[in-house]
C-alpha cells in the first residue's frame, strides 16, 4: 500500500511540476499594441454573405482605430467604427445613412481574453494573422436563441 501511495504522490508531483513549468505567452507578457501593427492597412474579403472592407490605423498611445464596411449586392449594409486597446475592442455600428445602432453613449464591447503576437482573442471575437497578407476574424453571433460563428477571411489590399 505504501509504494502505491508513494507512486501516486510522485505522479501528482510530476504533473504539478509540468503544469508550473509550462508558460503561456499571454499570461507572462504585457499587452503591447505595437505587436498588432500587422493589422494596420486595408483588408478585404468575405463574410456575412457579402463583401467586407476593414481598415486599421497604426498604433498611437496604446490604441488602434479601425473602420469596417459590409456590402451586399453592391449596396452598403452597415459601417463600424472600432477602437482596439488592452481591454479589447469597443465599437459603434452605423446604418448606411450614418444613423447609429447603439444609443449615444453606448457601444458594443468585446472584452480581451488572451493575446499573442498573431492572435487576439476577445469574448465573442477573434482576430488571427494567417500570413503577412491574410487575416481571419471569427465572430460569435447570437440570433433567435442560437449561437453561430461567422468567419471573415480577409486579404491585405495593397495601395
Protein backbone atom coordinates (compact mmCIF):
# COMPACT_ATOMS: atom_id res chain seq x y z
CA UNK A 1 0.00 0.00 0.00
CA UNK A 2 2.83 2.39 0.88
CA UNK A 3 4.53 2.02 -2.55
CA UNK A 4 1.19 2.75 -4.26
CA UNK A 5 0.67 5.93 -2.22
CA UNK A 6 4.27 6.93 -2.93
CA UNK A 7 3.78 6.30 -6.66
CA UNK A 8 0.55 8.36 -6.73
CA UNK A 9 2.28 11.16 -4.83
CA UNK A 10 5.20 11.12 -7.25
CA UNK A 11 2.85 11.19 -10.25
CA UNK A 12 0.93 14.16 -8.80
CA UNK A 13 4.18 15.98 -8.09
CA UNK A 14 5.37 15.44 -11.66
CA UNK A 15 2.05 16.65 -13.08
CA UNK A 16 2.17 19.69 -10.84
CA UNK A 17 5.75 20.42 -11.89
CA UNK A 18 4.97 20.11 -15.60
CA UNK A 19 1.97 22.45 -15.30
CA UNK A 20 4.06 25.04 -13.47
CA UNK A 21 6.95 24.82 -15.92
CA UNK A 22 4.69 25.45 -18.93
CA UNK A 23 4.45 29.13 -19.79
CA UNK A 24 1.63 30.78 -21.64
CA UNK A 25 2.88 33.77 -23.62
CA UNK A 26 -0.30 35.73 -22.95
CA UNK A 27 -0.02 35.33 -19.20
CA UNK A 28 3.63 36.36 -18.96
CA UNK A 29 3.98 39.17 -21.48
CA UNK A 30 2.29 42.54 -21.04
CA UNK A 31 -0.07 43.69 -23.79
CA UNK A 32 1.75 45.87 -26.33
CA UNK A 33 -0.40 47.44 -29.05
CA UNK A 34 2.71 47.62 -31.27
CA UNK A 35 2.50 43.81 -31.57
CA UNK A 36 -0.65 44.33 -33.66
CA UNK A 37 0.76 46.80 -36.15
CA UNK A 38 0.33 43.92 -38.63
CA UNK A 39 -3.37 44.90 -38.62
CA UNK A 40 -2.58 48.39 -39.95
CA UNK A 41 -3.72 48.95 -43.52
CA UNK A 42 -6.67 47.89 -45.63
CA UNK A 43 -8.24 44.44 -45.82
CA UNK A 44 -11.00 42.99 -48.00
CA UNK A 45 -12.80 39.66 -48.01
CA UNK A 46 -15.94 37.67 -47.45
CA UNK A 47 -18.30 37.12 -44.54
CA UNK A 48 -21.98 37.60 -43.67
CA UNK A 49 -22.87 36.70 -47.24
CA UNK A 50 -21.19 39.74 -48.74
CA UNK A 51 -18.04 41.78 -49.20
CA UNK A 52 -16.26 43.26 -46.19
CA UNK A 53 -13.71 46.04 -46.11
CA UNK A 54 -11.70 46.82 -42.99
CA UNK A 55 -9.05 49.47 -42.42
CA UNK A 56 -6.81 49.88 -39.36
CA UNK A 57 -4.56 52.81 -38.43
CA UNK A 58 -1.08 52.46 -36.98
CA UNK A 59 -0.91 52.20 -33.16
CA UNK A 60 -0.92 55.52 -31.28
CA UNK A 61 -0.78 55.91 -27.50
CA UNK A 62 -1.81 52.31 -26.79
CA UNK A 63 -4.74 52.18 -29.22
CA UNK A 64 -5.57 51.34 -32.81
CA UNK A 65 -8.55 52.75 -34.70
CA UNK A 66 -10.44 50.70 -37.25
CA UNK A 67 -13.26 51.13 -39.76
CA UNK A 68 -15.40 48.38 -41.24
CA UNK A 69 -17.91 48.33 -44.11
CA UNK A 70 -20.22 45.45 -45.08
CA UNK A 71 -21.54 45.46 -48.67
CA UNK A 72 -24.17 43.09 -50.04
CA UNK A 73 -25.49 43.10 -53.62
CA UNK A 74 -23.41 46.21 -54.33
CA UNK A 75 -25.03 48.25 -51.52
CA UNK A 76 -23.59 49.22 -48.13
CA UNK A 77 -25.45 47.40 -45.33
CA UNK A 78 -23.67 48.86 -42.29
CA UNK A 79 -20.48 50.50 -41.04
CA UNK A 80 -18.47 50.17 -37.83
CA UNK A 81 -16.01 52.43 -36.03
CA UNK A 82 -13.63 50.36 -33.85
CA UNK A 83 -11.10 51.02 -31.10
CA UNK A 84 -8.61 48.30 -30.06
CA UNK A 85 -6.62 48.55 -26.82
CA UNK A 86 -5.52 46.32 -23.94
CA UNK A 87 -9.14 45.92 -22.76
CA UNK A 88 -10.33 44.55 -26.13
CA UNK A 89 -12.45 46.20 -28.81
CA UNK A 90 -15.12 48.85 -28.43
CA UNK A 91 -17.21 49.69 -31.47
CA UNK A 92 -20.23 51.51 -32.78
CA UNK A 93 -22.43 50.39 -35.68
CA UNK A 94 -23.99 52.71 -38.25
CA UNK A 95 -26.65 52.28 -40.93
CA UNK A 96 -25.79 53.40 -44.49
CA UNK A 97 -27.24 56.86 -43.68
CA UNK A 98 -24.90 57.04 -40.62
CA UNK A 99 -27.67 56.73 -38.03
CA UNK A 100 -26.27 54.78 -35.09
CA UNK A 101 -27.41 51.39 -33.86
CA UNK A 102 -26.27 51.96 -30.27
CA UNK A 103 -27.55 54.78 -28.10
CA UNK A 104 -25.37 57.91 -27.95
CA UNK A 105 -23.14 56.84 -25.03
CA UNK A 106 -23.44 53.07 -25.57
CA UNK A 107 -21.15 50.81 -27.57
CA UNK A 108 -20.61 47.16 -28.35
CA UNK A 109 -17.65 45.69 -26.47
CA UNK A 110 -15.54 42.59 -26.89
CA UNK A 111 -13.54 42.00 -23.71
CA UNK A 112 -9.94 40.82 -24.02
CA UNK A 113 -9.40 37.17 -23.07
CA UNK A 114 -5.90 36.38 -24.35
CA UNK A 115 -3.36 37.51 -26.91
CA UNK A 116 -0.20 36.52 -28.69
CA UNK A 117 1.68 38.28 -31.47
CA UNK A 118 -0.52 36.71 -34.18
CA UNK A 119 -3.84 36.35 -32.39
CA UNK A 120 -6.17 38.50 -30.31
CA UNK A 121 -8.94 36.58 -28.56
CA UNK A 122 -11.82 38.50 -27.08
CA UNK A 123 -15.14 37.35 -25.70
CA UNK A 124 -17.08 36.63 -28.90
CA UNK A 125 -14.44 37.86 -31.37
CA UNK A 126 -11.04 36.61 -32.56
CA UNK A 127 -8.55 38.28 -34.92
CA UNK A 128 -5.85 35.95 -36.23
CA UNK A 129 -2.97 36.70 -38.59
CA UNK A 130 -2.66 33.78 -41.03
CA UNK A 131 0.19 35.31 -43.06
CA UNK A 132 1.51 38.78 -43.89
CA UNK A 133 -1.32 39.14 -46.41
CA UNK A 134 -4.14 37.10 -44.82
CA UNK A 135 -6.22 37.51 -41.68
CA UNK A 136 -9.19 35.60 -40.29
CA UNK A 137 -11.79 37.07 -37.98
CA UNK A 138 -14.26 34.84 -36.12
CA UNK A 139 -17.37 36.46 -34.69
CA UNK A 140 -19.91 34.72 -32.48
CA UNK A 141 -23.42 35.80 -33.42
CA UNK A 142 -26.48 35.03 -31.29
CA UNK A 143 -29.87 35.11 -33.02
CA UNK A 144 -33.16 33.52 -32.03
CA UNK A 145 -31.58 31.73 -29.06
CA UNK A 146 -28.86 30.11 -31.19
CA UNK A 147 -25.18 31.00 -31.40
CA UNK A 148 -23.06 30.50 -34.50
CA UNK A 149 -19.59 31.56 -35.57
CA UNK A 150 -19.24 33.72 -38.66
CA UNK A 151 -15.81 33.52 -40.28
CA UNK A 152 -14.42 36.50 -42.20
CA UNK A 153 -11.47 35.70 -44.46
CA UNK A 154 -9.64 38.90 -45.37
CA UNK A 155 -6.69 39.67 -47.60
CA UNK A 156 -4.49 42.72 -47.43
CA UNK A 157 -5.29 45.33 -50.07
CA UNK A 158 -2.16 46.90 -51.47
CA UNK A 159 -2.33 50.67 -52.12
